Amino acid sequence: MIVRDLAKESLTRRRVDGTGWTSVRLLLKDDGMGFSFHITTIHAGAELQMHYKNHLESVFCMEGTGSIEDLATGERHAIRPGVMYALNENDKHVLRADASGPMMMACVFNPPVIGNEVHGPDGAYPTESKLSESA
């Protein structure tokens, strides 16, 4: 059984800060679950263009409001507490948090991340082999 406390893990290497976001990775590849689980805060007013070419992601909004735009279709969806979206086709997208406050999201990645990934210039997390090459 794995039990982790978000507040405690926020003070460890499991906290990763990126431009416009902070993620606490509660489950990682080395936990052996086959996916990783993160609580990610999207900072107020942030506009993040992302393209997870190497991962599938599912996101559940727990707090805050914003929108997600599918860059292939131009379609935009409102994000608010209780809304889930899944990037089931490695969808290139823009996630926007309203200026009124941050969004808190529960995120699942497959394959799991190893822990220190941040978005590259293309908006993607690198594969584990690319991380190993740069270490």
N, C-alpha and C. Protein backbone atom coordinates (compact mmCIF):
# COMPACT_ATOMS: atom_id res chain seq x y z
N MET A 1 0.85 -1.18 0.00
CA MET A 1 0.00 0.00 0.00
C MET A 1 0.89 1.24 0.00
N ILE A 2 0.51 2.20 -0.79
CA ILE A 2 1.23 3.47 -0.86
C ILE A 2 0.31 4.55 -0.30
N VAL A 3 0.79 5.31 0.66
CA VAL A 3 0.03 6.42 1.23
C VAL A 3 0.93 7.64 1.22
N ARG A 4 0.47 8.70 0.61
CA ARG A 4 1.25 9.94 0.56
C ARG A 4 0.34 11.12 0.90
N ASP A 5 0.92 12.11 1.54
CA ASP A 5 0.22 13.32 1.95
C ASP A 5 0.64 14.47 1.04
N LEU A 6 -0.31 15.10 0.37
CA LEU A 6 -0.02 16.17 -0.58
C LEU A 6 0.80 17.30 0.07
N ALA A 7 0.42 17.73 1.26
CA ALA A 7 1.14 18.82 1.93
C ALA A 7 2.59 18.45 2.20
N LYS A 8 2.81 17.23 2.66
CA LYS A 8 4.20 16.79 2.93
C LYS A 8 5.00 16.63 1.65
N GLU A 9 4.39 16.03 0.63
CA GLU A 9 5.10 15.80 -0.63
C GLU A 9 5.40 17.10 -1.38
N SER A 10 4.62 18.15 -1.07
CA SER A 10 4.88 19.46 -1.67
C SER A 10 6.22 20.04 -1.25
N LEU A 11 6.81 19.48 -0.20
CA LEU A 11 8.09 19.97 0.32
C LEU A 11 9.26 19.09 -0.11
N THR A 12 9.01 18.15 -1.02
CA THR A 12 10.05 17.20 -1.42
C THR A 12 10.36 17.35 -2.92
N ARG A 13 11.23 16.47 -3.40
CA ARG A 13 11.59 16.45 -4.82
C ARG A 13 10.40 16.11 -5.72
N ARG A 14 9.31 15.65 -5.13
CA ARG A 14 8.10 15.33 -5.92
C ARG A 14 7.38 16.59 -6.40
N ARG A 15 7.74 17.75 -5.85
CA ARG A 15 7.19 19.01 -6.33
C ARG A 15 8.06 19.50 -7.48
N VAL A 16 7.41 19.78 -8.61
CA VAL A 16 8.11 20.28 -9.80
C VAL A 16 7.43 21.58 -10.21
N ASP A 17 8.23 22.63 -10.35
CA ASP A 17 7.70 23.94 -10.75
C ASP A 17 8.04 24.21 -12.20
N GLY A 18 7.03 24.53 -12.98
CA GLY A 18 7.22 24.90 -14.37
C GLY A 18 6.74 26.32 -14.59
N THR A 19 6.79 26.77 -15.81
CA THR A 19 6.30 28.11 -16.14
C THR A 19 4.78 28.08 -16.19
N GLY A 20 4.15 28.72 -15.21
CA GLY A 20 2.69 28.77 -15.16
C GLY A 20 2.03 27.63 -14.42
N TRP A 21 2.81 26.72 -13.86
CA TRP A 21 2.23 25.57 -13.17
C TRP A 21 3.17 25.02 -12.09
N THR A 22 2.58 24.31 -11.14
CA THR A 22 3.30 23.57 -10.12
C THR A 22 2.63 22.22 -10.00
N SER A 23 3.45 21.15 -9.99
CA SER A 23 2.90 19.81 -9.94
C SER A 23 3.54 19.02 -8.80
N VAL A 24 2.71 18.36 -8.03
CA VAL A 24 3.20 17.44 -7.00
C VAL A 24 2.88 16.04 -7.50
N ARG A 25 3.92 15.28 -7.79
CA ARG A 25 3.77 13.95 -8.38
C ARG A 25 3.68 12.91 -7.26
N LEU A 26 2.46 12.51 -6.97
CA LEU A 26 2.22 11.59 -5.85
C LEU A 26 2.52 10.14 -6.18
N LEU A 27 2.38 9.76 -7.44
CA LEU A 27 2.79 8.44 -7.91
C LEU A 27 3.68 8.63 -9.13
N LEU A 28 4.78 7.90 -9.16
CA LEU A 28 5.73 7.96 -10.27
C LEU A 28 5.99 6.56 -10.81
N LYS A 29 6.74 6.49 -11.88
CA LYS A 29 7.03 5.21 -12.51
C LYS A 29 7.58 4.19 -11.51
N ASP A 30 8.51 4.62 -10.66
CA ASP A 30 9.14 3.67 -9.74
C ASP A 30 8.19 3.15 -8.66
N ASP A 31 6.97 3.69 -8.59
CA ASP A 31 5.97 3.14 -7.67
C ASP A 31 5.31 1.88 -8.24
N GLY A 32 5.53 1.62 -9.54
CA GLY A 32 5.08 0.37 -10.14
C GLY A 32 3.58 0.25 -10.40
N MET A 33 2.87 1.35 -10.51
CA MET A 33 1.42 1.29 -10.72
C MET A 33 1.04 1.29 -12.21
N GLY A 34 1.98 1.59 -13.09
CA GLY A 34 1.68 1.62 -14.51
C GLY A 34 1.18 2.97 -15.01
N PHE A 35 1.04 3.93 -14.11
CA PHE A 35 0.65 5.31 -14.44
C PHE A 35 1.23 6.21 -13.37
N SER A 36 1.26 7.51 -13.64
CA SER A 36 1.64 8.45 -12.59
C SER A 36 0.43 9.32 -12.27
N PHE A 37 0.40 9.84 -11.05
CA PHE A 37 -0.72 10.63 -10.54
C PHE A 37 -0.17 11.90 -9.94
N HIS A 38 -0.69 13.03 -10.40
CA HIS A 38 -0.17 14.34 -10.00
C HIS A 38 -1.32 15.23 -9.54
N ILE A 39 -1.04 16.11 -8.61
CA ILE A 39 -1.93 17.23 -8.31
C ILE A 39 -1.20 18.45 -8.85
N THR A 40 -1.80 19.08 -9.84
CA THR A 40 -1.16 20.19 -10.53
C THR A 40 -1.98 21.46 -10.36
N THR A 41 -1.29 22.53 -10.02
CA THR A 41 -1.91 23.84 -9.93
C THR A 41 -1.51 24.64 -11.16
N ILE A 42 -2.49 25.12 -11.89
CA ILE A 42 -2.26 26.01 -13.02
C ILE A 42 -2.45 27.42 -12.48
N HIS A 43 -1.40 28.23 -12.57
CA HIS A 43 -1.42 29.55 -11.96
C HIS A 43 -2.46 30.45 -12.62
N ALA A 44 -3.02 31.36 -11.83
CA ALA A 44 -4.03 32.30 -12.34
C ALA A 44 -3.50 33.03 -13.56
N GLY A 45 -4.31 33.08 -14.61
CA GLY A 45 -3.95 33.78 -15.83
C GLY A 45 -2.98 33.05 -16.74
N ALA A 46 -2.55 31.85 -16.37
CA ALA A 46 -1.58 31.11 -17.19
C ALA A 46 -2.24 30.64 -18.48
N GLU A 47 -1.45 30.63 -19.54
CA GLU A 47 -1.87 30.10 -20.83
C GLU A 47 -0.76 29.15 -21.28
N LEU A 48 -1.06 27.86 -21.28
CA LEU A 48 -0.04 26.84 -21.52
C LEU A 48 -0.34 26.06 -22.79
N GLN A 49 0.55 26.16 -23.77
CA GLN A 49 0.40 25.35 -24.97
C GLN A 49 1.17 24.06 -24.75
N MET A 50 0.47 22.93 -24.87
CA MET A 50 1.07 21.64 -24.58
C MET A 50 0.73 20.63 -25.67
N HIS A 51 1.60 19.65 -25.79
CA HIS A 51 1.38 18.59 -26.77
C HIS A 51 2.09 17.34 -26.25
N TYR A 52 1.39 16.53 -25.48
CA TYR A 52 1.98 15.33 -24.91
C TYR A 52 2.09 14.25 -25.98
N LYS A 53 3.14 14.33 -26.78
CA LYS A 53 3.36 13.39 -27.87
C LYS A 53 3.75 12.01 -27.36
N ASN A 54 4.29 11.94 -26.15
CA ASN A 54 4.81 10.69 -25.59
C ASN A 54 3.95 10.12 -24.47
N HIS A 55 2.87 10.81 -24.11
CA HIS A 55 2.03 10.41 -22.98
C HIS A 55 0.56 10.64 -23.30
N LEU A 56 -0.29 9.84 -22.70
CA LEU A 56 -1.72 10.10 -22.65
C LEU A 56 -2.00 10.68 -21.27
N GLU A 57 -2.97 11.61 -21.19
CA GLU A 57 -3.26 12.26 -19.91
C GLU A 57 -4.76 12.38 -19.73
N SER A 58 -5.19 12.18 -18.49
CA SER A 58 -6.55 12.46 -18.08
C SER A 58 -6.48 13.47 -16.93
N VAL A 59 -7.37 14.47 -16.97
CA VAL A 59 -7.32 15.56 -16.00
C VAL A 59 -8.72 15.79 -15.43
N PHE A 60 -8.80 15.96 -14.11
CA PHE A 60 -10.05 16.26 -13.43
C PHE A 60 -9.86 17.57 -12.68
N CYS A 61 -10.70 18.56 -12.96
CA CYS A 61 -10.61 19.85 -12.28
C CYS A 61 -11.29 19.78 -10.93
N MET A 62 -10.53 20.12 -9.90
CA MET A 62 -11.06 20.11 -8.53
C MET A 62 -11.40 21.51 -8.04
N GLU A 63 -10.72 22.52 -8.63
CA GLU A 63 -10.87 23.88 -8.12
C GLU A 63 -10.48 24.87 -9.22
N GLY A 64 -11.18 26.00 -9.30
CA GLY A 64 -10.84 27.05 -10.25
C GLY A 64 -11.55 26.87 -11.58
N THR A 65 -11.35 27.86 -12.47
CA THR A 65 -12.00 27.83 -13.77
C THR A 65 -11.03 28.26 -14.86
N GLY A 66 -11.35 27.82 -16.07
CA GLY A 66 -10.53 28.16 -17.22
C GLY A 66 -11.11 27.51 -18.45
N SER A 67 -10.23 27.20 -19.41
CA SER A 67 -10.69 26.56 -20.64
C SER A 67 -9.57 25.73 -21.24
N ILE A 68 -9.96 24.80 -22.12
CA ILE A 68 -9.01 24.03 -22.90
C ILE A 68 -9.43 24.17 -24.37
N GLU A 69 -8.43 24.39 -25.21
CA GLU A 69 -8.67 24.54 -26.64
C GLU A 69 -7.93 23.45 -27.39
N ASP A 70 -8.64 22.74 -28.24
CA ASP A 70 -8.06 21.72 -29.11
C ASP A 70 -7.48 22.47 -30.31
N LEU A 71 -6.16 22.45 -30.47
CA LEU A 71 -5.54 23.22 -31.54
C LEU A 71 -5.77 22.62 -32.92
N ALA A 72 -6.16 21.37 -33.00
CA ALA A 72 -6.47 20.76 -34.30
C ALA A 72 -7.81 21.23 -34.84
N THR A 73 -8.76 21.46 -33.93
CA THR A 73 -10.12 21.80 -34.36
C THR A 73 -10.53 23.23 -34.01
N GLY A 74 -9.82 23.86 -33.08
CA GLY A 74 -10.21 25.18 -32.59
C GLY A 74 -11.31 25.14 -31.56
N GLU A 75 -11.81 23.94 -31.27
CA GLU A 75 -12.90 23.79 -30.30
C GLU A 75 -12.40 24.12 -28.90
N ARG A 76 -13.21 24.88 -28.15
CA ARG A 76 -12.87 25.27 -26.78
C ARG A 76 -13.92 24.72 -25.82
N HIS A 77 -13.44 24.28 -24.66
CA HIS A 77 -14.33 23.74 -23.63
C HIS A 77 -14.05 24.46 -22.32
N ALA A 78 -15.12 24.79 -21.61
CA ALA A 78 -14.98 25.41 -20.29
C ALA A 78 -14.49 24.36 -19.29
N ILE A 79 -13.60 24.78 -18.42
CA ILE A 79 -13.10 23.92 -17.34
C ILE A 79 -13.56 24.54 -16.02
N ARG A 80 -14.15 23.72 -15.18
CA ARG A 80 -14.62 24.14 -13.85
C ARG A 80 -14.60 22.91 -12.96
N PRO A 81 -14.75 23.06 -11.67
CA PRO A 81 -14.76 21.89 -10.79
C PRO A 81 -15.78 20.85 -11.25
N GLY A 82 -15.33 19.61 -11.32
CA GLY A 82 -16.18 18.50 -11.74
C GLY A 82 -16.02 18.12 -13.20
N VAL A 83 -15.26 18.92 -13.98
CA VAL A 83 -15.06 18.62 -15.39
C VAL A 83 -13.77 17.82 -15.57
N MET A 84 -13.86 16.76 -16.40
CA MET A 84 -12.71 15.92 -16.74
C MET A 84 -12.48 16.04 -18.24
N TYR A 85 -11.20 16.04 -18.63
CA TYR A 85 -10.87 15.89 -20.04
C TYR A 85 -9.75 14.88 -20.17
N ALA A 86 -9.72 14.20 -21.31
CA ALA A 86 -8.70 13.19 -21.57
C ALA A 86 -8.06 13.48 -22.92
N LEU A 87 -6.76 13.52 -22.95
CA LEU A 87 -6.00 13.74 -24.17
C LEU A 87 -5.67 12.36 -24.75
N ASN A 88 -6.70 11.72 -25.29
CA ASN A 88 -6.61 10.33 -25.71
C ASN A 88 -5.97 10.15 -27.08
N GLU A 89 -5.71 11.25 -27.78
CA GLU A 89 -5.05 11.16 -29.08
C GLU A 89 -3.82 12.07 -29.12
N ASN A 90 -3.14 12.21 -27.96
CA ASN A 90 -1.97 13.08 -27.85
C ASN A 90 -2.30 14.48 -28.36
N ASP A 91 -3.48 14.96 -28.04
CA ASP A 91 -4.00 16.20 -28.57
C ASP A 91 -3.14 17.42 -28.24
N LYS A 92 -2.80 18.19 -29.25
CA LYS A 92 -2.11 19.46 -29.06
C LYS A 92 -3.17 20.45 -28.58
N HIS A 93 -2.89 21.16 -27.47
CA HIS A 93 -3.92 21.97 -26.85
C HIS A 93 -3.34 23.18 -26.12
N VAL A 94 -4.23 24.09 -25.77
CA VAL A 94 -3.88 25.22 -24.91
C VAL A 94 -4.80 25.15 -23.71
N LEU A 95 -4.20 25.16 -22.53
CA LEU A 95 -4.95 25.19 -21.27
C LEU A 95 -4.81 26.59 -20.70
N ARG A 96 -5.94 27.19 -20.38
CA ARG A 96 -5.95 28.55 -19.85
C ARG A 96 -6.65 28.57 -18.50
N ALA A 97 -6.01 29.21 -17.53
CA ALA A 97 -6.64 29.44 -16.22
C ALA A 97 -7.16 30.87 -16.21
N ASP A 98 -8.36 31.06 -15.71
CA ASP A 98 -8.90 32.41 -15.60
C ASP A 98 -8.02 33.25 -14.69
N ALA A 99 -8.03 34.54 -14.91
CA ALA A 99 -7.21 35.47 -14.11
C ALA A 99 -7.71 35.56 -12.68
N SER A 100 -8.92 35.11 -12.42
CA SER A 100 -9.52 35.23 -11.09
C SER A 100 -8.88 34.31 -10.05
N GLY A 101 -8.14 33.30 -10.49
CA GLY A 101 -7.51 32.41 -9.52
C GLY A 101 -6.96 31.17 -10.19
N PRO A 102 -6.19 30.37 -9.45
CA PRO A 102 -5.58 29.17 -10.01
C PRO A 102 -6.60 28.05 -10.18
N MET A 103 -6.21 27.07 -11.00
CA MET A 103 -6.99 25.83 -11.13
C MET A 103 -6.18 24.72 -10.46
N MET A 104 -6.85 23.87 -9.69
CA MET A 104 -6.20 22.70 -9.11
C MET A 104 -6.75 21.48 -9.83
N MET A 105 -5.83 20.68 -10.39
CA MET A 105 -6.19 19.56 -11.24
C MET A 105 -5.58 18.26 -10.71
N ALA A 106 -6.32 17.17 -10.82
CA ALA A 106 -5.79 15.83 -10.57
C ALA A 106 -5.50 15.21 -11.94
N CYS A 107 -4.25 14.79 -12.16
CA CYS A 107 -3.81 14.35 -13.48
C CYS A 107 -3.23 12.93 -13.41
N VAL A 108 -3.54 12.15 -14.42
CA VAL A 108 -3.00 10.80 -14.56
C VAL A 108 -2.28 10.72 -15.90
N PHE A 109 -1.04 10.20 -15.89
CA PHE A 109 -0.25 10.05 -17.11
C PHE A 109 0.08 8.59 -17.37
N ASN A 110 0.00 8.22 -18.65
CA ASN A 110 0.40 6.90 -19.11
C ASN A 110 1.18 7.09 -20.40
N PRO A 111 2.41 6.62 -20.50
CA PRO A 111 3.16 5.94 -19.45
C PRO A 111 3.47 6.90 -18.30
N PRO A 112 3.79 6.32 -17.15
CA PRO A 112 4.06 7.17 -15.99
C PRO A 112 5.32 8.01 -16.18
N VAL A 113 5.32 9.20 -15.58
CA VAL A 113 6.53 10.01 -15.59
C VAL A 113 7.46 9.52 -14.48
N ILE A 114 8.74 9.87 -14.61
CA ILE A 114 9.70 9.42 -13.60
C ILE A 114 9.86 10.43 -12.47
N GLY A 115 9.48 11.69 -12.71
CA GLY A 115 9.46 12.62 -11.59
C GLY A 115 9.84 14.05 -11.89
N ASN A 116 10.84 14.29 -12.73
CA ASN A 116 11.34 15.65 -12.89
C ASN A 116 11.04 16.26 -14.25
N GLU A 117 10.16 15.66 -15.02
CA GLU A 117 9.84 16.16 -16.35
C GLU A 117 9.22 17.55 -16.30
N VAL A 118 9.63 18.38 -17.24
CA VAL A 118 8.97 19.66 -17.52
C VAL A 118 8.74 19.72 -19.03
N HIS A 119 7.88 20.61 -19.45
CA HIS A 119 7.55 20.72 -20.87
C HIS A 119 8.74 21.23 -21.66
N GLY A 120 9.02 20.56 -22.78
CA GLY A 120 10.05 21.01 -23.69
C GLY A 120 9.52 22.10 -24.60
N PRO A 121 10.35 22.58 -25.53
CA PRO A 121 9.92 23.64 -26.44
C PRO A 121 8.70 23.28 -27.29
N ASP A 122 8.48 21.98 -27.49
CA ASP A 122 7.33 21.52 -28.27
C ASP A 122 6.09 21.30 -27.41
N GLY A 123 6.19 21.58 -26.10
CA GLY A 123 5.06 21.42 -25.19
C GLY A 123 4.90 20.03 -24.64
N ALA A 124 5.83 19.12 -24.95
CA ALA A 124 5.73 17.72 -24.52
C ALA A 124 6.69 17.43 -23.38
N TYR A 125 6.37 16.40 -22.62
CA TYR A 125 7.34 15.82 -21.70
C TYR A 125 8.21 14.88 -22.53
N PRO A 126 9.50 14.82 -22.26
CA PRO A 126 10.36 13.89 -23.00
C PRO A 126 10.08 12.45 -22.57
N THR A 127 10.50 11.52 -23.41
CA THR A 127 10.42 10.11 -23.03
C THR A 127 11.47 9.85 -21.97
N GLU A 128 11.32 8.76 -21.25
CA GLU A 128 12.30 8.41 -20.21
C GLU A 128 13.69 8.26 -20.80
N SER A 129 13.81 7.69 -22.01
CA SER A 129 15.13 7.50 -22.62
C SER A 129 15.78 8.86 -22.92
N LYS A 130 15.00 9.86 -23.33
CA LYS A 130 15.54 11.19 -23.58
C LYS A 130 16.00 11.85 -22.29
N LEU A 131 15.27 11.62 -21.19
CA LEU A 131 15.68 12.14 -19.89
C LEU A 131 16.99 11.53 -19.46
N SER A 132 17.14 10.23 -19.68
CA SER A 132 18.38 9.51 -19.32
C SER A 132 19.57 10.05 -20.10
N GLU A 133 19.35 10.37 -21.39
CA GLU A 133 20.43 10.89 -22.23
C GLU A 133 20.91 12.24 -21.75
N SER A 134 19.99 13.08 -21.22
CA SER A 134 20.36 14.42 -20.81
C SER A 134 20.88 14.47 -19.38
N ALA A 135 20.80 13.37 -18.64
CA ALA A 135 21.23 13.37 -17.23
C ALA A 135 22.75 13.26 -17.11
